[in-house]
């Protein structure tokens, strides 16, 4: 299980911040990268390995097929990993940021040739993320903050645990514990 050296809550952000990130990006490629990171909660390398064949667009849904690339140090922990996960996002979502992300992905998808979606290195992708987060919210965030923020956001929205596990690419309940943060509750007597 992950060992956090700094409290993960320091880097939690919401739809509002993602909307700000997207508005401050110029390149459609960068908007699509941030959009996929936010919608899927995928690891950066999983997103960078996506090809056009991993995306399916129809009238109602945007479908993304992700390969889980996390490797565990202990072989017996790999049994909890889901090799591939298929995610579907309603194109006609009521969530404005979700709709914005979907539109960015579709527009970018339609603008590129066959092959890999993102022909950039992991280092360059991290630079894009660092630049946009530093310029907009004055915090230097890593790609993993998108993953952590997304799963924390979904947990707060009471998404069922089995769905969170599938989105995360795991079947081990312990893997989602870091995303289930206690909320501050004021009790009156």
N, C-alpha and C. Protein backbone atom coordinates (compact mmCIF):
# COMPACT_ATOMS: atom_id res chain seq x y z
N UNK A 1 0.84 -1.18 0.00
CA UNK A 1 0.00 0.00 0.00
C UNK A 1 0.88 1.24 0.00
N UNK A 2 0.35 2.35 -0.54
CA UNK A 2 1.19 3.54 -0.63
C UNK A 2 1.56 4.10 0.73
N UNK A 3 2.75 4.59 0.82
CA UNK A 3 3.22 5.26 2.03
C UNK A 3 3.38 6.74 1.67
N UNK A 4 2.58 7.59 2.28
CA UNK A 4 2.63 9.01 1.97
C UNK A 4 3.63 9.72 2.87
N UNK A 5 4.48 10.52 2.26
CA UNK A 5 5.46 11.28 3.03
C UNK A 5 4.92 12.65 3.41
N UNK A 6 3.99 13.16 2.64
CA UNK A 6 3.31 14.40 2.98
C UNK A 6 1.82 14.12 2.99
N UNK A 7 1.06 14.85 3.77
CA UNK A 7 -0.38 14.59 3.79
C UNK A 7 -0.99 14.80 2.41
N UNK A 8 -1.69 13.78 1.84
CA UNK A 8 -2.25 13.91 0.50
C UNK A 8 -3.27 15.02 0.39
N UNK A 9 -3.90 15.41 1.50
CA UNK A 9 -4.93 16.44 1.44
C UNK A 9 -4.38 17.79 1.00
N UNK A 10 -3.06 17.99 1.09
CA UNK A 10 -2.47 19.26 0.65
C UNK A 10 -2.62 19.47 -0.85
N UNK A 11 -2.80 18.39 -1.60
CA UNK A 11 -2.88 18.52 -3.04
C UNK A 11 -4.23 18.14 -3.60
N UNK A 12 -5.28 18.10 -2.79
CA UNK A 12 -6.60 17.74 -3.26
C UNK A 12 -7.23 18.95 -3.94
N UNK A 13 -7.77 18.74 -5.13
CA UNK A 13 -8.48 19.82 -5.80
C UNK A 13 -9.79 19.29 -6.37
N UNK A 14 -10.61 20.18 -6.86
CA UNK A 14 -11.96 19.83 -7.28
C UNK A 14 -12.20 20.17 -8.74
N UNK A 15 -13.45 19.97 -9.16
CA UNK A 15 -13.86 20.34 -10.51
C UNK A 15 -13.52 21.79 -10.82
N UNK A 16 -13.72 22.66 -9.83
CA UNK A 16 -13.48 24.09 -10.04
C UNK A 16 -12.04 24.36 -10.46
N UNK A 17 -11.08 23.75 -9.75
CA UNK A 17 -9.67 23.94 -10.11
C UNK A 17 -9.35 23.34 -11.48
N UNK A 18 -9.94 22.18 -11.77
CA UNK A 18 -9.72 21.57 -13.08
C UNK A 18 -10.22 22.50 -14.18
N UNK A 19 -11.36 23.11 -13.95
CA UNK A 19 -11.90 24.08 -14.92
C UNK A 19 -10.92 25.24 -15.12
N UNK A 20 -10.33 25.72 -14.04
CA UNK A 20 -9.33 26.79 -14.13
C UNK A 20 -8.10 26.32 -14.90
N UNK A 21 -7.64 25.09 -14.61
CA UNK A 21 -6.49 24.54 -15.33
C UNK A 21 -6.78 24.54 -16.83
N UNK A 22 -7.94 24.03 -17.20
CA UNK A 22 -8.28 23.90 -18.63
C UNK A 22 -8.38 25.26 -19.31
N UNK A 23 -8.94 26.24 -18.63
CA UNK A 23 -9.08 27.58 -19.21
C UNK A 23 -7.72 28.25 -19.43
N UNK A 24 -6.72 27.85 -18.67
CA UNK A 24 -5.40 28.48 -18.76
C UNK A 24 -4.44 27.73 -19.69
N UNK A 25 -4.90 26.67 -20.30
CA UNK A 25 -4.07 25.94 -21.25
C UNK A 25 -4.40 26.39 -22.67
N UNK A 26 -3.40 26.47 -23.51
CA UNK A 26 -3.59 26.91 -24.89
C UNK A 26 -3.70 25.73 -25.84
N UNK A 27 -2.77 24.80 -25.74
CA UNK A 27 -2.73 23.67 -26.66
C UNK A 27 -3.83 22.67 -26.36
N UNK A 28 -4.51 22.23 -27.41
CA UNK A 28 -5.57 21.24 -27.27
C UNK A 28 -5.01 19.93 -26.71
N UNK A 29 -3.79 19.58 -27.08
CA UNK A 29 -3.14 18.38 -26.56
C UNK A 29 -3.04 18.44 -25.03
N UNK A 30 -2.65 19.59 -24.50
CA UNK A 30 -2.50 19.75 -23.06
C UNK A 30 -3.85 19.69 -22.36
N UNK A 31 -4.87 20.28 -22.98
CA UNK A 31 -6.22 20.21 -22.42
C UNK A 31 -6.73 18.78 -22.39
N UNK A 32 -6.45 18.02 -23.45
CA UNK A 32 -6.87 16.62 -23.50
C UNK A 32 -6.13 15.79 -22.44
N UNK A 33 -4.85 16.06 -22.25
CA UNK A 33 -4.06 15.35 -21.24
C UNK A 33 -4.66 15.57 -19.85
N UNK A 34 -4.88 16.82 -19.48
CA UNK A 34 -5.46 17.14 -18.16
C UNK A 34 -6.86 16.55 -18.05
N UNK A 35 -7.64 16.61 -19.12
CA UNK A 35 -9.00 16.09 -19.11
C UNK A 35 -9.03 14.59 -18.85
N UNK A 36 -8.14 13.85 -19.53
CA UNK A 36 -8.11 12.40 -19.32
C UNK A 36 -7.62 12.06 -17.92
N UNK A 37 -6.60 12.77 -17.46
CA UNK A 37 -6.12 12.53 -16.09
C UNK A 37 -7.24 12.72 -15.08
N UNK A 38 -8.03 13.79 -15.25
CA UNK A 38 -9.09 14.09 -14.30
C UNK A 38 -10.26 13.11 -14.42
N UNK A 39 -10.72 12.85 -15.63
CA UNK A 39 -11.87 11.97 -15.80
C UNK A 39 -11.60 10.54 -15.34
N UNK A 40 -10.43 10.02 -15.69
CA UNK A 40 -10.15 8.61 -15.45
C UNK A 40 -9.46 8.34 -14.12
N UNK A 41 -8.73 9.31 -13.59
CA UNK A 41 -7.92 9.06 -12.40
C UNK A 41 -6.76 8.12 -12.72
N UNK A 42 -6.38 8.05 -13.98
CA UNK A 42 -5.32 7.13 -14.41
C UNK A 42 -3.94 7.66 -14.03
N UNK A 43 -3.00 6.75 -13.98
CA UNK A 43 -1.59 7.13 -13.79
C UNK A 43 -1.10 7.79 -15.07
N UNK A 44 -0.10 8.65 -14.94
CA UNK A 44 0.40 9.40 -16.09
C UNK A 44 0.86 8.48 -17.21
N UNK A 45 1.57 7.40 -16.88
CA UNK A 45 2.06 6.50 -17.92
C UNK A 45 0.92 5.75 -18.61
N UNK A 46 -0.16 5.47 -17.88
CA UNK A 46 -1.33 4.83 -18.49
C UNK A 46 -1.95 5.75 -19.53
N UNK A 47 -2.00 7.04 -19.23
CA UNK A 47 -2.55 8.01 -20.18
C UNK A 47 -1.63 8.17 -21.38
N UNK A 48 -0.34 8.27 -21.14
CA UNK A 48 0.61 8.46 -22.24
C UNK A 48 0.68 7.24 -23.16
N UNK A 49 0.29 6.07 -22.69
CA UNK A 49 0.28 4.87 -23.53
C UNK A 49 -1.00 4.70 -24.33
N UNK A 50 -1.98 5.57 -24.13
CA UNK A 50 -3.23 5.45 -24.88
C UNK A 50 -3.00 5.66 -26.37
N UNK A 51 -3.72 4.87 -27.17
CA UNK A 51 -3.71 5.05 -28.62
C UNK A 51 -5.12 5.43 -29.07
N UNK A 52 -5.24 5.79 -30.34
CA UNK A 52 -6.57 6.14 -30.86
C UNK A 52 -7.52 4.95 -30.76
N UNK A 53 -6.98 3.75 -30.84
CA UNK A 53 -7.81 2.55 -30.75
C UNK A 53 -8.38 2.34 -29.35
N UNK A 54 -7.80 2.98 -28.35
CA UNK A 54 -8.27 2.86 -26.97
C UNK A 54 -9.45 3.80 -26.67
N UNK A 55 -9.78 4.64 -27.63
CA UNK A 55 -10.88 5.61 -27.46
C UNK A 55 -12.00 5.24 -28.43
N UNK A 56 -13.21 5.20 -27.92
CA UNK A 56 -14.38 4.96 -28.77
C UNK A 56 -15.39 6.06 -28.46
N UNK A 57 -15.86 6.68 -29.53
CA UNK A 57 -16.82 7.78 -29.36
C UNK A 57 -18.10 7.40 -30.10
N UNK A 58 -19.22 7.43 -29.39
CA UNK A 58 -20.50 7.25 -30.06
C UNK A 58 -21.43 8.40 -29.66
N UNK A 59 -22.67 8.32 -30.03
CA UNK A 59 -23.60 9.43 -29.76
C UNK A 59 -23.75 9.74 -28.29
N UNK A 60 -23.74 8.71 -27.46
CA UNK A 60 -24.04 8.88 -26.04
C UNK A 60 -22.83 8.86 -25.11
N UNK A 61 -21.77 8.15 -25.52
CA UNK A 61 -20.66 7.91 -24.60
C UNK A 61 -19.29 8.16 -25.22
N UNK A 62 -18.38 8.52 -24.33
CA UNK A 62 -16.95 8.51 -24.62
C UNK A 62 -16.42 7.31 -23.84
N UNK A 63 -15.79 6.37 -24.54
CA UNK A 63 -15.29 5.15 -23.89
C UNK A 63 -13.77 5.14 -24.00
N UNK A 64 -13.12 4.88 -22.86
CA UNK A 64 -11.67 4.85 -22.80
C UNK A 64 -11.24 3.51 -22.22
N UNK A 65 -10.35 2.82 -22.93
CA UNK A 65 -9.82 1.54 -22.47
C UNK A 65 -8.41 1.78 -21.94
N UNK A 66 -8.22 1.57 -20.64
CA UNK A 66 -6.93 1.81 -19.99
C UNK A 66 -6.28 0.48 -19.60
N UNK A 67 -4.98 0.42 -19.79
CA UNK A 67 -4.22 -0.71 -19.30
C UNK A 67 -3.56 -0.30 -17.99
N UNK A 68 -3.75 -1.12 -16.96
CA UNK A 68 -3.13 -0.84 -15.67
C UNK A 68 -1.64 -1.16 -15.77
N UNK A 69 -0.81 -0.17 -15.45
CA UNK A 69 0.64 -0.34 -15.59
C UNK A 69 1.36 -0.40 -14.25
N UNK A 70 0.63 -0.34 -13.17
CA UNK A 70 1.26 -0.40 -11.85
C UNK A 70 1.86 -1.77 -11.62
N UNK A 71 3.09 -1.79 -11.20
CA UNK A 71 3.76 -3.04 -10.87
C UNK A 71 4.07 -3.04 -9.39
N UNK A 72 3.70 -4.10 -8.73
CA UNK A 72 3.97 -4.23 -7.30
C UNK A 72 5.33 -4.87 -7.08
N UNK A 73 5.96 -4.50 -5.99
CA UNK A 73 7.27 -5.09 -5.65
C UNK A 73 7.13 -6.56 -5.28
N UNK A 74 6.05 -6.88 -4.60
CA UNK A 74 5.81 -8.26 -4.20
C UNK A 74 4.87 -8.91 -5.21
N UNK A 75 5.27 -10.03 -5.77
CA UNK A 75 4.50 -10.68 -6.83
C UNK A 75 3.08 -11.02 -6.40
N UNK A 76 2.89 -11.42 -5.15
CA UNK A 76 1.54 -11.80 -4.70
C UNK A 76 0.58 -10.62 -4.65
N UNK A 77 1.08 -9.37 -4.65
CA UNK A 77 0.19 -8.21 -4.67
C UNK A 77 -0.34 -7.93 -6.06
N UNK A 78 0.30 -8.45 -7.12
CA UNK A 78 -0.17 -8.25 -8.49
C UNK A 78 -1.51 -8.92 -8.75
N UNK A 79 -1.88 -9.91 -7.94
CA UNK A 79 -3.15 -10.60 -8.16
C UNK A 79 -4.35 -9.68 -7.95
N UNK A 80 -4.14 -8.55 -7.29
CA UNK A 80 -5.23 -7.61 -7.06
C UNK A 80 -5.40 -6.59 -8.18
N UNK A 81 -4.50 -6.63 -9.17
CA UNK A 81 -4.54 -5.63 -10.24
C UNK A 81 -5.46 -6.09 -11.37
N UNK A 82 -6.23 -5.17 -11.91
CA UNK A 82 -7.07 -5.42 -13.08
C UNK A 82 -6.24 -5.00 -14.29
N UNK A 83 -6.03 -5.92 -15.23
CA UNK A 83 -5.13 -5.64 -16.36
C UNK A 83 -5.66 -4.53 -17.24
N UNK A 84 -6.92 -4.63 -17.66
CA UNK A 84 -7.54 -3.60 -18.49
C UNK A 84 -8.83 -3.14 -17.83
N UNK A 85 -9.14 -1.87 -17.98
CA UNK A 85 -10.42 -1.39 -17.50
C UNK A 85 -11.04 -0.49 -18.56
N UNK A 86 -12.32 -0.71 -18.79
CA UNK A 86 -13.07 0.07 -19.77
C UNK A 86 -13.95 1.06 -19.03
N UNK A 87 -13.75 2.33 -19.35
CA UNK A 87 -14.49 3.39 -18.67
C UNK A 87 -15.40 4.08 -19.66
N UNK A 88 -16.63 4.34 -19.23
CA UNK A 88 -17.60 5.03 -20.08
C UNK A 88 -18.03 6.32 -19.42
N UNK A 89 -18.07 7.38 -20.21
CA UNK A 89 -18.48 8.70 -19.71
C UNK A 89 -19.61 9.21 -20.58
N UNK A 90 -20.71 9.58 -19.92
CA UNK A 90 -21.86 10.12 -20.65
C UNK A 90 -21.52 11.46 -21.28
N UNK A 91 -21.75 11.56 -22.57
CA UNK A 91 -21.43 12.81 -23.26
C UNK A 91 -22.38 13.94 -22.85
N UNK A 92 -23.59 13.58 -22.46
CA UNK A 92 -24.57 14.59 -22.10
C UNK A 92 -24.66 14.72 -20.58
N UNK A 93 -23.51 14.84 -19.93
CA UNK A 93 -23.45 14.93 -18.48
C UNK A 93 -23.97 16.29 -18.01
N UNK A 94 -24.53 16.30 -16.81
CA UNK A 94 -24.97 17.56 -16.20
C UNK A 94 -23.81 18.32 -15.58
N UNK A 95 -22.71 17.61 -15.36
CA UNK A 95 -21.52 18.21 -14.77
C UNK A 95 -20.77 19.00 -15.85
N UNK A 96 -20.68 20.30 -15.68
CA UNK A 96 -20.09 21.19 -16.69
C UNK A 96 -18.63 20.85 -16.95
N UNK A 97 -17.85 20.57 -15.91
CA UNK A 97 -16.43 20.26 -16.08
C UNK A 97 -16.26 18.92 -16.77
N UNK A 98 -17.08 17.95 -16.41
CA UNK A 98 -17.02 16.65 -17.07
C UNK A 98 -17.31 16.80 -18.56
N UNK A 99 -18.31 17.59 -18.87
CA UNK A 99 -18.67 17.83 -20.28
C UNK A 99 -17.53 18.54 -21.01
N UNK A 100 -16.91 19.50 -20.35
CA UNK A 100 -15.78 20.22 -20.92
C UNK A 100 -14.61 19.26 -21.19
N UNK A 101 -14.33 18.38 -20.24
CA UNK A 101 -13.26 17.40 -20.41
C UNK A 101 -13.56 16.46 -21.58
N UNK A 102 -14.77 15.96 -21.65
CA UNK A 102 -15.17 15.07 -22.73
C UNK A 102 -15.01 15.76 -24.08
N UNK A 103 -15.48 17.00 -24.17
CA UNK A 103 -15.36 17.75 -25.43
C UNK A 103 -13.90 17.98 -25.82
N UNK A 104 -13.04 18.27 -24.84
CA UNK A 104 -11.61 18.44 -25.13
C UNK A 104 -11.01 17.16 -25.69
N UNK A 105 -11.36 16.04 -25.10
CA UNK A 105 -10.82 14.75 -25.54
C UNK A 105 -11.30 14.43 -26.96
N UNK A 106 -12.58 14.63 -27.21
CA UNK A 106 -13.13 14.34 -28.54
C UNK A 106 -12.51 15.25 -29.60
N UNK A 107 -12.40 16.52 -29.29
CA UNK A 107 -11.81 17.46 -30.24
C UNK A 107 -10.36 17.09 -30.55
N UNK A 108 -9.61 16.74 -29.52
CA UNK A 108 -8.21 16.34 -29.72
C UNK A 108 -8.14 15.03 -30.51
N UNK A 109 -8.98 14.07 -30.16
CA UNK A 109 -9.03 12.78 -30.84
C UNK A 109 -9.26 12.98 -32.34
N UNK A 110 -10.17 13.87 -32.68
CA UNK A 110 -10.49 14.12 -34.09
C UNK A 110 -9.39 14.88 -34.82
N UNK A 111 -8.47 15.50 -34.09
CA UNK A 111 -7.43 16.32 -34.72
C UNK A 111 -6.12 15.56 -34.98
N UNK A 112 -6.02 14.33 -34.49
CA UNK A 112 -4.74 13.62 -34.62
C UNK A 112 -4.87 12.40 -35.54
N UNK A 113 -3.72 11.95 -36.03
CA UNK A 113 -3.67 10.77 -36.88
C UNK A 113 -3.69 9.52 -36.00
N UNK A 114 -3.62 8.36 -36.63
CA UNK A 114 -3.60 7.09 -35.90
C UNK A 114 -2.36 7.00 -35.01
N UNK A 115 -2.39 6.06 -34.09
CA UNK A 115 -1.25 5.83 -33.22
C UNK A 115 -1.47 6.37 -31.83
N UNK A 116 -0.38 6.69 -31.15
CA UNK A 116 -0.44 7.18 -29.77
C UNK A 116 -1.18 8.51 -29.72
N UNK A 117 -1.97 8.68 -28.65
CA UNK A 117 -2.66 9.96 -28.47
C UNK A 117 -1.68 11.07 -28.14
N UNK A 118 -0.75 10.78 -27.26
CA UNK A 118 0.20 11.80 -26.80
C UNK A 118 1.61 11.37 -27.16
N UNK A 119 2.21 12.09 -28.05
CA UNK A 119 3.59 11.78 -28.46
C UNK A 119 4.54 12.68 -27.68
N UNK A 120 4.44 12.55 -26.36
CA UNK A 120 5.31 13.32 -25.46
C UNK A 120 5.86 12.38 -24.39
N UNK A 121 6.94 12.79 -23.79
CA UNK A 121 7.55 11.97 -22.73
C UNK A 121 6.84 12.21 -21.41
N UNK A 122 7.09 11.33 -20.47
CA UNK A 122 6.53 11.48 -19.13
C UNK A 122 7.06 12.76 -18.49
N UNK A 123 8.31 13.06 -18.74
CA UNK A 123 8.90 14.28 -18.19
C UNK A 123 8.19 15.53 -18.74
N UNK A 124 7.91 15.53 -20.04
CA UNK A 124 7.23 16.69 -20.63
C UNK A 124 5.81 16.82 -20.10
N UNK A 125 5.12 15.69 -19.94
CA UNK A 125 3.76 15.72 -19.39
C UNK A 125 3.77 16.29 -17.98
N UNK A 126 4.76 15.90 -17.20
CA UNK A 126 4.88 16.44 -15.84
C UNK A 126 5.14 17.94 -15.86
N UNK A 127 5.92 18.40 -16.82
CA UNK A 127 6.17 19.84 -16.96
C UNK A 127 4.88 20.60 -17.26
N UNK A 128 4.06 20.04 -18.13
CA UNK A 128 2.77 20.66 -18.45
C UNK A 128 1.94 20.80 -17.18
N UNK A 129 1.87 19.72 -16.41
CA UNK A 129 1.08 19.72 -15.17
C UNK A 129 1.66 20.72 -14.16
N UNK A 130 2.97 20.69 -13.98
CA UNK A 130 3.61 21.62 -13.04
C UNK A 130 3.37 23.07 -13.44
N UNK A 131 3.50 23.36 -14.73
CA UNK A 131 3.33 24.73 -15.21
C UNK A 131 1.90 25.23 -14.97
N UNK A 132 0.91 24.43 -15.38
CA UNK A 132 -0.47 24.91 -15.26
C UNK A 132 -0.92 25.02 -13.81
N UNK A 133 -0.48 24.10 -12.95
CA UNK A 133 -0.90 24.19 -11.55
C UNK A 133 -0.20 25.34 -10.83
N UNK A 134 1.06 25.57 -11.15
CA UNK A 134 1.80 26.67 -10.53
C UNK A 134 1.22 28.02 -10.96
N UNK A 135 0.90 28.14 -12.24
CA UNK A 135 0.39 29.41 -12.77
C UNK A 135 -1.03 29.71 -12.30
N UNK A 136 -1.84 28.69 -12.05
CA UNK A 136 -3.25 28.93 -11.74
C UNK A 136 -3.56 28.92 -10.25
N UNK A 137 -3.04 27.96 -9.51
CA UNK A 137 -3.37 27.89 -8.08
C UNK A 137 -2.14 28.06 -7.19
N UNK A 138 -1.04 28.45 -7.79
CA UNK A 138 0.21 28.72 -7.08
C UNK A 138 0.68 27.54 -6.23
N UNK A 139 0.40 26.33 -6.70
CA UNK A 139 0.89 25.10 -6.07
C UNK A 139 1.50 24.25 -7.16
N UNK A 140 2.65 23.71 -6.88
CA UNK A 140 3.30 22.81 -7.84
C UNK A 140 2.81 21.40 -7.53
N UNK A 141 1.90 20.92 -8.36
CA UNK A 141 1.31 19.60 -8.14
C UNK A 141 1.87 18.59 -9.13
N UNK A 142 1.85 17.35 -8.72
CA UNK A 142 2.32 16.26 -9.57
C UNK A 142 1.13 15.59 -10.26
N UNK A 143 1.43 14.77 -11.25
CA UNK A 143 0.39 14.05 -11.99
C UNK A 143 -0.46 13.19 -11.04
N UNK A 144 0.18 12.62 -10.03
CA UNK A 144 -0.55 11.74 -9.11
C UNK A 144 -1.61 12.51 -8.31
N UNK A 145 -1.46 13.81 -8.17
CA UNK A 145 -2.49 14.59 -7.47
C UNK A 145 -3.83 14.51 -8.20
N UNK A 146 -3.79 14.38 -9.54
CA UNK A 146 -5.04 14.22 -10.29
C UNK A 146 -5.72 12.92 -9.89
N UNK A 147 -4.93 11.86 -9.78
CA UNK A 147 -5.46 10.55 -9.39
C UNK A 147 -6.04 10.62 -7.98
N UNK A 148 -5.25 11.14 -7.06
CA UNK A 148 -5.70 11.21 -5.67
C UNK A 148 -6.93 12.12 -5.52
N UNK A 149 -6.91 13.26 -6.18
CA UNK A 149 -8.04 14.19 -6.10
C UNK A 149 -9.30 13.58 -6.70
N UNK A 150 -9.15 12.89 -7.83
CA UNK A 150 -10.31 12.30 -8.49
C UNK A 150 -10.98 11.25 -7.61
N UNK A 151 -10.17 10.36 -7.04
CA UNK A 151 -10.76 9.30 -6.23
C UNK A 151 -11.31 9.84 -4.91
N UNK A 152 -10.69 10.85 -4.35
CA UNK A 152 -11.22 11.49 -3.15
C UNK A 152 -12.55 12.17 -3.48
N UNK A 153 -12.60 12.88 -4.60
CA UNK A 153 -13.82 13.56 -5.07
C UNK A 153 -14.94 12.53 -5.28
N UNK A 154 -14.64 11.42 -5.95
CA UNK A 154 -15.67 10.40 -6.20
C UNK A 154 -16.13 9.75 -4.90
N UNK A 155 -15.21 9.51 -3.98
CA UNK A 155 -15.58 8.93 -2.68
C UNK A 155 -16.51 9.87 -1.91
N UNK A 156 -16.21 11.18 -1.98
CA UNK A 156 -17.07 12.16 -1.30
C UNK A 156 -18.45 12.23 -1.94
N UNK A 157 -18.55 11.87 -3.22
CA UNK A 157 -19.84 11.86 -3.93
C UNK A 157 -20.56 10.52 -3.73
N UNK A 158 -20.04 9.70 -2.80
CA UNK A 158 -20.65 8.42 -2.44
C UNK A 158 -20.74 7.42 -3.60
N UNK A 159 -19.74 7.45 -4.47
CA UNK A 159 -19.65 6.45 -5.52
C UNK A 159 -19.37 5.10 -4.85
N UNK A 160 -20.07 4.05 -5.25
CA UNK A 160 -19.85 2.75 -4.60
C UNK A 160 -18.40 2.28 -4.68
N UNK A 161 -17.97 1.59 -3.64
CA UNK A 161 -16.58 1.15 -3.53
C UNK A 161 -16.17 0.25 -4.69
N UNK A 162 -17.08 -0.63 -5.14
CA UNK A 162 -16.71 -1.51 -6.25
C UNK A 162 -16.43 -0.72 -7.53
N UNK A 163 -17.10 0.40 -7.72
CA UNK A 163 -16.84 1.25 -8.90
C UNK A 163 -15.50 1.96 -8.72
N UNK A 164 -15.22 2.46 -7.51
CA UNK A 164 -13.93 3.10 -7.25
C UNK A 164 -12.78 2.12 -7.51
N UNK A 165 -12.95 0.88 -7.07
CA UNK A 165 -11.92 -0.12 -7.28
C UNK A 165 -11.69 -0.37 -8.77
N UNK A 166 -12.77 -0.46 -9.54
CA UNK A 166 -12.64 -0.69 -10.98
C UNK A 166 -11.94 0.49 -11.66
N UNK A 167 -12.36 1.70 -11.32
CA UNK A 167 -11.73 2.89 -11.90
C UNK A 167 -10.24 2.93 -11.58
N UNK A 168 -9.91 2.51 -10.38
CA UNK A 168 -8.52 2.54 -9.93
C UNK A 168 -7.69 1.42 -10.55
N UNK A 169 -8.35 0.36 -11.00
CA UNK A 169 -7.63 -0.76 -11.59
C UNK A 169 -7.18 -1.76 -10.55
N UNK A 170 -7.94 -1.89 -9.48
CA UNK A 170 -7.55 -2.78 -8.39
C UNK A 170 -8.79 -3.50 -7.86
N UNK A 171 -8.55 -4.63 -7.21
CA UNK A 171 -9.64 -5.33 -6.53
C UNK A 171 -9.38 -5.43 -5.03
N UNK A 172 -8.34 -4.76 -4.56
CA UNK A 172 -7.95 -4.79 -3.16
C UNK A 172 -8.54 -3.58 -2.43
N UNK A 173 -9.40 -3.84 -1.48
CA UNK A 173 -10.05 -2.76 -0.73
C UNK A 173 -9.05 -1.82 -0.06
N UNK A 174 -7.91 -2.34 0.35
CA UNK A 174 -6.91 -1.51 1.02
C UNK A 174 -6.40 -0.38 0.10
N UNK A 175 -6.51 -0.58 -1.20
CA UNK A 175 -5.94 0.41 -2.13
C UNK A 175 -6.74 1.71 -2.18
N UNK A 176 -7.99 1.69 -1.73
CA UNK A 176 -8.77 2.94 -1.78
C UNK A 176 -8.86 3.65 -0.43
N UNK A 177 -8.31 3.05 0.61
CA UNK A 177 -8.35 3.67 1.94
C UNK A 177 -7.79 5.10 1.93
N UNK A 178 -6.67 5.38 1.25
CA UNK A 178 -6.15 6.76 1.27
C UNK A 178 -7.12 7.80 0.70
N UNK A 179 -8.09 7.37 -0.10
CA UNK A 179 -9.02 8.32 -0.72
C UNK A 179 -10.27 8.55 0.12
N UNK A 180 -10.45 7.75 1.14
CA UNK A 180 -11.63 7.87 1.99
C UNK A 180 -11.26 8.69 3.22
N UNK A 181 -11.23 9.98 3.05
CA UNK A 181 -10.81 10.86 4.13
C UNK A 181 -12.01 11.26 4.97
N UNK A 182 -11.79 11.38 6.25
CA UNK A 182 -12.85 11.81 7.15
C UNK A 182 -13.12 13.29 6.93
N UNK A 183 -14.39 13.64 6.91
CA UNK A 183 -14.77 15.04 6.78
C UNK A 183 -14.89 15.66 8.17
N UNK A 184 -14.65 16.96 8.23
CA UNK A 184 -14.81 17.66 9.50
C UNK A 184 -16.30 17.85 9.76
N UNK A 185 -16.72 17.39 10.91
CA UNK A 185 -18.12 17.50 11.28
C UNK A 185 -18.20 18.25 12.59
N UNK A 186 -19.02 19.28 12.61
CA UNK A 186 -19.22 20.04 13.84
C UNK A 186 -20.46 19.50 14.53
N UNK A 187 -20.27 19.09 15.78
CA UNK A 187 -21.38 18.52 16.54
C UNK A 187 -21.87 19.55 17.55
N UNK A 188 -23.18 19.78 17.56
CA UNK A 188 -23.79 20.70 18.52
C UNK A 188 -24.49 19.89 19.61
N UNK A 189 -24.36 20.37 20.84
CA UNK A 189 -25.03 19.75 21.97
C UNK A 189 -26.11 20.66 22.48
